[in-house]
Amino acid sequence: MSTLRIIHANILTPKGRKALHGKAMNELHHIPDGEITIVDGTIDYVGPVRENVDITAIDAQGRVVLPGFVDSHTHLVFGGFRPEEFMWRMRGDSYMSIMERGGGIVNTMKSTREASTEQLVEKTRHFIDIMSRMGVTTVEAKSGYGLDREAELKQLRVMAEINDDPERNVDIATTYLGAHALPPEYAGRHDEYIDFIIREMLPEVKKQNLAENCDIFCERGVFTVEQSRRLLKAAADMGYGIKIHADEIVTTGGAELSAKLNALSADHLLHASDEGIKAMAHSDVVATLLPLTAFTLREPYARGREMIDAGCAVALATDLNPGSCCSGSIPLTFALACIYMNFSVEEAITALTLNGAAAIGRAEYIGSLEPGKLGDLVMLDSDTHYTLPYYTGMNSVIMTVKRGRIVSYNNN
């Protein structure tokens, strides 16, 4: 039996096993001189420090302890990089214009198809190690850079290989995103490609147990609302959790569709309509916002403050990817959410823990510090959680614990 006990911690956590909506996002349970004990990877006790307990303990000395961060939207597994496209955007080229001349997702598709499984595993582990030091204990990763049968399965197998490692420091929640873009082989045949995914890919991915969730890029010039509806309904019927890239570039009605389909999450939402926000607020959909992407694209931020005030459940994620946002920075995500999107620090914590867990269908067992949940937590090098945005872009996490095992300790 393995036991990890932390005492004299300033514990802050949301509570519950589903996403928190609206004002509830601001309500964190606080134990100012607390203890958390993890037995065999699962939280056994959270509460005031207990006396006369014969278990060796780590003294947090008043430092803040939070649930492990859940980065609920990334494109973690990919071949190559695209720094030249970053510079094109800096000179004013639009994201869609870059796609139209062979850049964007199709550019990464070529590199991903050519990369070996070993190369992709090594690269993915590199990113995971960095994210772990910033407090991430669960990360969602999407396929979507293969866009054919073998390369998509290769991406998903990379995730499976990492998840099979008992010494991993981050769990990967797996999402099949075959409908990320139209591959060149299907030029002008969007409906046929959706048919291919429904007929062949969804059953095969399910048969091999390679993905929990299914996603689609619902956007002008990519896949329509009707195509998205057809794919996601088929995926839900096969037992996938469903997610949707919605209203990122223009208003398409993706947010409204997510509510109608009871999706786990609608992501991006930079151009979500008032009707879409209202529909999400009256559903269980988690509005997953990606401020790093808006920052790097120099676009207006999603209306996160309005969404929370309207009663939505909101999550924050990094959107780490090789094109529009080559960053998995949790510190900068906190800062942008609080400084530019008017989140309170407490709301941002909920968005990056319990609500992030709900956005990937895992709120039952991660996202908060409660008995019975996995022993995933972070300790800050501070006695106040306000350092999260205050240390702007700098890491305030001193310790990351994954399933009761210390996987990162930054005692500098």
Protein backbone atom coordinates (compact mmCIF):
# COMPACT_ATOMS: atom_id res chain seq x y z
CA MET A 1 0.00 0.00 0.00
CA SER A 2 1.32 3.46 -0.95
CA THR A 3 0.36 6.53 1.06
CA LEU A 4 1.04 10.22 0.54
CA ARG A 5 0.06 12.63 3.32
CA ILE A 6 0.34 16.42 3.06
CA ILE A 7 -0.33 18.57 6.15
CA HIS A 8 -0.56 22.27 6.99
CA ALA A 9 -1.77 23.01 3.47
CA ASN A 10 -3.94 25.93 2.41
CA ILE A 11 -6.42 23.76 0.48
CA LEU A 12 -8.73 25.28 -2.14
CA THR A 13 -10.99 23.18 -4.33
CA PRO A 14 -14.29 23.20 -6.17
CA LYS A 15 -16.58 20.39 -5.10
CA GLY A 16 -18.83 18.00 -6.96
CA ARG A 17 -18.89 15.46 -9.74
CA LYS A 18 -20.23 17.63 -12.54
CA ALA A 19 -19.47 21.03 -14.00
CA LEU A 20 -20.26 24.14 -12.00
CA HIS A 21 -22.35 26.82 -13.70
CA GLY A 22 -22.40 30.59 -13.36
CA LYS A 23 -21.92 31.98 -9.85
CA ALA A 24 -21.05 28.54 -8.47
CA MET A 25 -17.75 28.69 -10.37
CA ASN A 26 -16.60 31.34 -7.88
CA GLU A 27 -17.22 29.15 -4.83
CA LEU A 28 -14.16 27.19 -3.70
CA HIS A 29 -14.13 25.05 -0.56
CA HIS A 30 -11.36 26.39 1.70
CA ILE A 31 -9.45 24.54 4.42
CA PRO A 32 -6.82 27.01 5.70
CA ASP A 33 -4.79 24.48 7.74
CA GLY A 34 -5.64 21.29 5.94
CA GLU A 35 -4.53 17.76 5.32
CA ILE A 36 -4.92 15.53 2.31
CA THR A 37 -4.10 11.84 2.42
CA ILE A 38 -3.90 9.69 -0.71
CA VAL A 39 -3.89 5.90 -0.45
CA ASP A 40 -3.03 3.73 -3.46
CA GLY A 41 -3.63 6.63 -5.82
CA THR A 42 -7.05 7.65 -4.47
CA ILE A 43 -7.89 10.46 -2.06
CA ASP A 44 -8.74 8.97 1.34
CA TYR A 45 -9.08 12.10 3.48
CA VAL A 46 -9.40 15.85 2.96
CA GLY A 47 -10.00 18.07 5.96
CA PRO A 48 -8.38 19.76 8.95
CA VAL A 49 -5.02 18.40 10.03
CA ARG A 50 -5.49 15.27 12.16
CA GLU A 51 -3.42 14.70 15.29
CA ASN A 52 -1.84 11.40 16.31
CA VAL A 53 -1.85 9.93 12.80
CA ASP A 54 1.11 7.60 12.41
CA ILE A 55 1.87 8.41 8.76
CA THR A 56 4.93 10.33 7.61
CA ALA A 57 3.79 13.63 6.15
CA ILE A 58 4.99 16.41 3.88
CA ASP A 59 4.61 19.77 5.60
CA ALA A 60 3.22 22.26 3.08
CA GLN A 61 4.02 25.12 5.50
CA GLY A 62 0.86 27.00 4.54
CA ARG A 63 1.33 26.72 0.78
CA VAL A 64 -1.74 26.51 -1.46
CA VAL A 65 -2.83 23.04 -2.61
CA LEU A 66 -5.27 22.76 -5.53
CA PRO A 67 -6.64 19.95 -7.69
CA GLY A 68 -4.39 18.99 -10.57
CA PHE A 69 -5.03 21.11 -13.64
CA VAL A 70 -7.05 19.57 -16.48
CA ASP A 71 -6.09 20.87 -19.91
CA SER A 72 -9.26 19.84 -21.74
CA HIS A 73 -8.44 20.88 -25.32
CA THR A 74 -5.11 20.18 -27.04
CA HIS A 75 -3.79 18.77 -30.30
CA LEU A 76 -0.86 17.21 -28.52
CA VAL A 77 0.26 14.57 -31.04
CA PHE A 78 1.57 15.94 -34.33
CA GLY A 79 4.49 15.86 -36.72
CA GLY A 80 6.57 18.88 -37.62
CA PHE A 81 6.15 22.54 -36.70
CA ARG A 82 4.91 25.59 -38.62
CA PRO A 83 6.90 28.64 -37.45
CA GLU A 84 6.83 30.19 -40.93
CA GLU A 85 3.03 30.37 -40.76
CA PHE A 86 3.31 32.13 -37.41
CA MET A 87 5.41 34.80 -39.11
CA TRP A 88 2.90 35.05 -41.98
CA ARG A 89 0.20 35.80 -39.43
CA MET A 90 2.44 38.42 -37.83
CA ARG A 91 2.51 40.28 -41.13
CA GLY A 92 -1.30 40.16 -41.34
CA ASP A 93 -2.21 37.00 -43.25
CA SER A 94 -5.44 35.44 -41.96
CA TYR A 95 -5.75 31.92 -40.63
CA MET A 96 -8.16 30.98 -43.42
CA SER A 97 -5.97 32.49 -46.17
CA ILE A 98 -3.03 30.41 -44.96
CA MET A 99 -5.21 27.29 -45.09
CA GLU A 100 -6.33 28.13 -48.61
CA ARG A 101 -2.75 28.13 -49.93
CA GLY A 102 -1.80 24.76 -48.50
CA GLY A 103 -0.82 25.77 -45.01
CA GLY A 104 -2.63 25.07 -41.78
CA ILE A 105 -3.87 21.64 -40.85
CA VAL A 106 -3.01 20.01 -44.20
CA ASN A 107 0.62 21.12 -43.79
CA THR A 108 0.83 19.29 -40.47
CA MET A 109 -1.02 16.34 -42.01
CA LYS A 110 1.91 15.69 -44.33
CA SER A 111 4.43 15.77 -41.47
CA THR A 112 2.27 13.56 -39.26
CA ARG A 113 1.77 10.96 -41.95
CA GLU A 114 5.55 10.81 -42.49
CA ALA A 115 6.50 10.66 -38.79
CA SER A 116 7.13 7.31 -37.14
CA THR A 117 5.23 6.22 -34.05
CA GLU A 118 8.48 6.44 -32.06
CA GLN A 119 9.07 10.03 -33.16
CA LEU A 120 5.54 11.03 -32.20
CA VAL A 121 5.77 9.31 -28.81
CA GLU A 122 9.05 11.07 -28.00
CA LYS A 123 7.68 14.46 -29.01
CA THR A 124 4.43 13.98 -27.10
CA ARG A 125 6.26 12.92 -23.94
CA HIS A 126 8.40 16.04 -24.20
CA PHE A 127 5.32 18.26 -24.15
CA ILE A 128 3.73 16.23 -21.35
CA ASP A 129 6.80 16.63 -19.15
CA ILE A 130 6.65 20.41 -19.58
CA MET A 131 2.92 20.49 -18.85
CA SER A 132 3.35 18.34 -15.75
CA ARG A 133 5.78 20.85 -14.27
CA MET A 134 3.06 23.50 -14.73
CA GLY A 135 0.58 21.39 -12.77
CA VAL A 136 -1.30 19.51 -15.50
CA THR A 137 -2.32 16.02 -14.37
CA THR A 138 -4.82 15.23 -17.15
CA VAL A 139 -4.69 16.47 -20.73
CA GLU A 140 -7.10 15.91 -23.57
CA ALA A 141 -5.40 15.08 -26.88
CA LYS A 142 -7.08 14.97 -30.28
CA SER A 143 -6.13 13.16 -33.44
CA GLY A 144 -6.95 15.04 -36.63
CA TYR A 145 -3.54 15.50 -38.24
CA GLY A 146 -3.57 12.20 -40.11
CA LEU A 147 -6.87 12.57 -41.96
CA ASP A 148 -6.63 9.04 -43.30
CA ARG A 149 -7.16 5.65 -41.72
CA GLU A 150 -3.60 4.69 -40.83
CA ALA A 151 -2.27 8.08 -39.71
CA GLU A 152 -5.31 8.78 -37.54
CA LEU A 153 -4.98 5.38 -35.87
CA LYS A 154 -1.25 6.05 -35.45
CA GLN A 155 -1.95 9.25 -33.53
CA LEU A 156 -4.41 7.49 -31.26
CA ARG A 157 -2.01 4.59 -30.67
CA VAL A 158 0.64 7.08 -29.55
CA MET A 159 -1.77 8.27 -26.87
CA ALA A 160 -2.57 4.69 -25.89
CA GLU A 161 1.12 3.81 -25.56
CA ILE A 162 1.69 6.72 -23.18
CA ASN A 163 -1.43 5.88 -21.18
CA ASP A 164 -0.22 2.29 -20.82
CA ASP A 165 2.92 3.46 -18.99
CA PRO A 166 2.32 3.01 -15.22
CA GLU A 167 4.94 5.69 -14.54
CA ARG A 168 3.23 8.37 -16.65
CA ASN A 169 2.93 11.76 -15.00
CA VAL A 170 -0.13 12.87 -17.01
CA ASP A 171 -3.22 10.94 -18.10
CA ILE A 172 -4.34 11.51 -21.69
CA ALA A 173 -8.07 11.73 -22.43
CA THR A 174 -8.35 10.60 -26.04
CA THR A 175 -10.47 12.28 -28.71
CA TYR A 176 -10.91 11.21 -32.33
CA LEU A 177 -10.97 14.30 -34.56
CA GLY A 178 -10.92 12.80 -38.03
CA ALA A 179 -13.15 15.67 -39.17
CA HIS A 180 -10.50 18.30 -38.44
CA ALA A 181 -10.15 19.27 -42.10
CA LEU A 182 -10.92 17.86 -45.51
CA PRO A 183 -7.98 15.72 -46.71
CA PRO A 184 -6.72 16.35 -50.25
CA GLU A 185 -7.93 12.91 -51.32
CA TYR A 186 -11.51 14.08 -50.74
CA ALA A 187 -11.22 17.55 -52.29
CA GLY A 188 -14.72 18.94 -52.88
CA ARG A 189 -16.38 15.86 -51.34
CA HIS A 190 -17.14 16.84 -47.76
CA ASP A 191 -20.20 14.64 -47.41
CA GLU A 192 -18.37 11.59 -48.72
CA TYR A 193 -15.60 12.13 -46.17
CA ILE A 194 -18.16 12.33 -43.36
CA ASP A 195 -19.67 9.11 -44.71
CA PHE A 196 -16.22 7.47 -44.60
CA ILE A 197 -15.71 8.51 -40.99
CA ILE A 198 -19.14 7.24 -39.92
CA ARG A 199 -18.95 4.01 -41.92
CA GLU A 200 -15.33 3.00 -41.31
CA MET A 201 -13.42 5.11 -38.82
CA LEU A 202 -15.82 5.43 -35.90
CA PRO A 203 -16.45 1.66 -35.70
CA GLU A 204 -12.73 0.88 -36.05
CA VAL A 205 -11.62 3.37 -33.41
CA LYS A 206 -14.32 2.04 -31.07
CA LYS A 207 -13.36 -1.59 -31.79
CA GLN A 208 -9.73 -0.88 -30.86
CA ASN A 209 -10.80 1.22 -27.85
CA LEU A 210 -8.59 4.10 -28.98
CA ALA A 211 -10.80 7.12 -28.23
CA GLU A 212 -13.33 8.15 -25.61
CA ASN A 213 -14.69 11.17 -27.45
CA CYS A 214 -15.34 12.41 -30.97
CA ASP A 215 -14.91 15.99 -32.19
CA ILE A 216 -15.46 17.95 -35.42
CA PHE A 217 -14.33 21.35 -36.73
CA CYS A 218 -17.65 23.05 -37.48
CA GLU A 219 -16.61 26.15 -39.39
CA ARG A 220 -17.17 28.01 -42.65
CA GLY A 221 -15.08 26.35 -45.33
CA VAL A 222 -14.52 23.24 -43.20
CA PHE A 223 -17.64 21.31 -42.08
CA THR A 224 -21.18 22.67 -41.93
CA VAL A 225 -23.59 22.53 -39.04
CA GLU A 226 -25.57 19.79 -40.80
CA GLN A 227 -22.46 17.71 -41.49
CA SER A 228 -21.41 18.20 -37.88
CA ARG A 229 -24.84 17.16 -36.63
CA ARG A 230 -24.77 14.01 -38.74
CA LEU A 231 -21.31 12.94 -37.57
CA LEU A 232 -21.81 13.73 -33.89
CA LYS A 233 -25.18 11.98 -33.72
CA ALA A 234 -23.61 8.87 -35.25
CA ALA A 235 -20.72 9.07 -32.77
CA ALA A 236 -23.07 9.47 -29.80
CA ASP A 237 -25.07 6.46 -30.99
CA MET A 238 -21.85 4.42 -30.91
CA GLY A 239 -21.09 5.46 -27.34
CA TYR A 240 -18.63 8.30 -27.85
CA GLY A 241 -18.73 11.47 -25.82
CA ILE A 242 -19.13 14.30 -28.32
CA LYS A 243 -17.34 17.62 -28.59
CA ILE A 244 -17.38 20.38 -31.20
CA HIS A 245 -15.04 23.11 -32.43
CA ALA A 246 -17.66 25.85 -32.61
CA ASP A 247 -17.90 29.47 -33.77
CA GLU A 248 -14.13 30.06 -33.85
CA ILE A 249 -13.68 32.08 -37.04
CA VAL A 250 -17.26 33.16 -37.78
CA THR A 251 -20.68 32.61 -36.22
CA THR A 252 -22.04 29.32 -37.55
CA GLY A 253 -24.50 28.14 -34.92
CA GLY A 254 -22.08 25.61 -33.47
CA ALA A 255 -22.86 26.62 -29.90
CA GLU A 256 -26.58 26.09 -30.48
CA LEU A 257 -25.86 22.70 -32.05
CA SER A 258 -23.78 21.63 -29.04
CA ALA A 259 -26.74 22.32 -26.74
CA LYS A 260 -29.20 20.46 -28.97
CA LEU A 261 -26.93 17.41 -29.03
CA ASN A 262 -26.06 17.63 -25.31
CA ALA A 263 -22.36 17.61 -26.16
CA LEU A 264 -19.70 17.39 -23.48
CA SER A 265 -18.25 20.68 -24.68
CA ALA A 266 -18.28 23.38 -27.31
CA ASP A 267 -14.79 24.80 -27.80
CA HIS A 268 -13.31 28.13 -28.98
CA LEU A 269 -16.58 30.14 -29.20
CA LEU A 270 -14.90 33.43 -30.10
CA HIS A 271 -17.95 34.28 -32.21
CA ALA A 272 -20.70 32.47 -30.32
CA SER A 273 -24.03 34.24 -30.69
CA ASP A 274 -26.21 35.48 -27.83
CA GLU A 275 -28.61 32.66 -28.65
CA GLY A 276 -25.77 30.15 -28.52
CA ILE A 277 -24.64 31.37 -25.11
CA LYS A 278 -28.18 31.18 -23.79
CA ALA A 279 -28.60 27.65 -25.18
CA MET A 280 -25.38 26.47 -23.53
CA ALA A 281 -26.39 28.04 -20.22
CA HIS A 282 -29.55 25.95 -20.22
CA SER A 283 -27.72 22.71 -21.00
CA ASP A 284 -24.93 20.58 -19.58
CA VAL A 285 -22.50 21.67 -22.30
CA VAL A 286 -19.19 23.02 -21.02
CA ALA A 287 -18.09 26.14 -22.90
CA THR A 288 -14.35 25.55 -23.31
CA LEU A 289 -12.46 28.77 -23.97
CA LEU A 290 -8.93 28.99 -25.34
CA PRO A 291 -7.45 32.42 -24.59
CA LEU A 292 -3.94 31.51 -25.77
CA THR A 293 -5.28 30.98 -29.28
CA ALA A 294 -7.04 34.34 -29.35
CA PHE A 295 -3.83 35.89 -28.02
CA THR A 296 -1.57 34.36 -30.69
CA LEU A 297 -4.07 35.04 -33.49
CA ARG A 298 -4.60 38.61 -32.23
CA GLU A 299 -8.35 38.01 -32.15
CA PRO A 300 -10.88 39.28 -29.59
CA TYR A 301 -11.24 36.93 -26.64
CA ALA A 302 -14.33 34.80 -26.24
CA ARG A 303 -17.01 36.42 -24.07
CA GLY A 304 -16.20 34.36 -21.00
CA ARG A 305 -17.46 36.91 -18.49
CA GLU A 306 -20.82 37.08 -20.26
CA MET A 307 -21.01 33.30 -20.45
CA ILE A 308 -20.45 32.89 -16.72
CA ASP A 309 -22.91 35.67 -15.92
CA ALA A 310 -25.47 33.99 -18.20
CA GLY A 311 -25.11 30.76 -16.22
CA CYS A 312 -22.81 28.73 -18.46
CA ALA A 313 -20.34 26.17 -17.21
CA VAL A 314 -17.00 27.41 -18.54
CA ALA A 315 -13.66 25.64 -18.85
CA LEU A 316 -10.26 26.97 -19.88
CA ALA A 317 -7.70 25.06 -21.94
CA THR A 318 -4.49 25.83 -23.82
CA ASP A 319 -5.22 24.50 -27.36
CA LEU A 320 -1.58 23.44 -27.75
CA ASN A 321 -1.14 22.79 -31.48
CA PRO A 322 1.51 23.35 -34.18
CA GLY A 323 -0.34 26.12 -36.01
CA SER A 324 -2.56 28.66 -34.32
CA CYS A 325 -1.19 28.22 -30.78
CA CYS A 326 2.09 26.43 -30.17
CA SER A 327 1.84 26.85 -26.40
CA GLY A 328 0.66 24.75 -23.49
CA SER A 329 1.28 27.49 -20.93
CA ILE A 330 -1.02 27.13 -17.95
CA PRO A 331 0.43 30.26 -16.27
CA LEU A 332 -0.31 32.43 -19.29
CA THR A 333 -3.78 30.89 -19.61
CA PHE A 334 -4.55 31.96 -16.03
CA ALA A 335 -3.22 35.45 -16.65
CA LEU A 336 -5.14 36.04 -19.88
CA ALA A 337 -8.38 34.71 -18.39
CA CYS A 338 -8.14 37.00 -15.39
CA ILE A 339 -6.65 40.11 -17.03
CA TYR A 340 -8.47 40.17 -20.38
CA MET A 341 -11.54 37.96 -19.90
CA ASN A 342 -12.43 39.27 -16.43
CA PHE A 343 -12.48 35.92 -14.65
CA SER A 344 -11.95 35.91 -10.92
CA VAL A 345 -9.01 33.74 -9.87
CA GLU A 346 -11.50 31.35 -8.25
CA GLU A 347 -13.48 31.05 -11.50
CA ALA A 348 -10.29 30.38 -13.43
CA ILE A 349 -9.32 27.62 -10.98
CA THR A 350 -12.73 25.96 -11.39
CA ALA A 351 -12.43 26.31 -15.17
CA LEU A 352 -9.04 24.56 -15.18
CA THR A 353 -10.01 21.79 -12.75
CA LEU A 354 -13.56 20.51 -12.24
CA ASN A 355 -15.09 22.10 -15.34
CA GLY A 356 -12.16 20.96 -17.46
CA ALA A 357 -12.75 17.45 -16.15
CA ALA A 358 -16.44 17.67 -17.08
CA ALA A 359 -15.51 18.84 -20.58
CA ILE A 360 -13.82 15.49 -21.20
CA GLY A 361 -16.33 13.34 -19.33
CA ARG A 362 -14.15 12.71 -16.26
CA ALA A 363 -15.64 14.87 -13.51
CA GLU A 364 -16.70 11.75 -11.60
CA TYR A 365 -13.13 11.01 -10.59
CA ILE A 366 -10.87 14.03 -11.20
CA GLY A 367 -11.12 17.83 -10.99
CA SER A 368 -11.58 18.32 -7.24
CA LEU A 369 -9.99 17.25 -3.96
CA GLU A 370 -12.59 14.94 -2.47
CA PRO A 371 -12.45 11.41 -1.03
CA GLY A 372 -12.84 8.77 -3.71
CA LYS A 373 -11.35 10.87 -6.50
CA LEU A 374 -7.90 10.31 -7.94
CA GLY A 375 -5.01 11.76 -5.96
CA ASP A 376 -4.12 14.48 -8.48
CA LEU A 377 -3.02 17.79 -7.00
CA VAL A 378 -0.65 20.72 -7.28
CA MET A 379 1.12 22.75 -4.63
CA LEU A 380 1.93 26.41 -5.27
CA ASP A 381 5.09 28.09 -4.00
CA SER A 382 2.86 30.59 -2.23
CA ASP A 383 0.28 30.88 0.53
CA THR A 384 -2.19 32.56 -1.84
CA HIS A 385 -3.80 31.42 -5.08
CA TYR A 386 -3.69 34.99 -6.37
CA THR A 387 -0.14 34.33 -7.53
CA LEU A 388 -1.56 32.29 -10.43
CA PRO A 389 -2.28 35.38 -12.59
CA TYR A 390 0.00 37.71 -10.60
CA TYR A 391 3.14 35.77 -11.61
CA THR A 392 2.19 36.68 -15.15
CA GLY A 393 3.29 33.89 -17.46
CA MET A 394 5.60 32.44 -14.80
CA ASN A 395 5.12 29.09 -13.13
CA SER A 396 4.02 29.19 -9.48
CA VAL A 397 3.63 25.39 -9.17
CA ILE A 398 6.25 23.84 -6.90
CA MET A 399 4.90 20.28 -6.81
CA THR A 400 2.69 18.13 -9.02
CA VAL A 401 1.19 14.89 -7.69
CA LYS A 402 -0.33 12.30 -10.03
CA ARG A 403 -2.36 9.47 -8.49
CA GLY A 404 -0.59 9.95 -5.20
CA ARG A 405 2.91 9.98 -6.72
CA ILE A 406 5.08 13.10 -6.78
CA VAL A 407 5.95 13.52 -10.46
CA SER A 408 7.38 17.03 -10.41
CA TYR A 409 9.06 18.98 -7.60
CA ASN A 410 10.45 22.40 -8.48
CA ASN A 411 12.26 23.29 -5.28
CA ASN A 412 14.49 26.04 -6.66
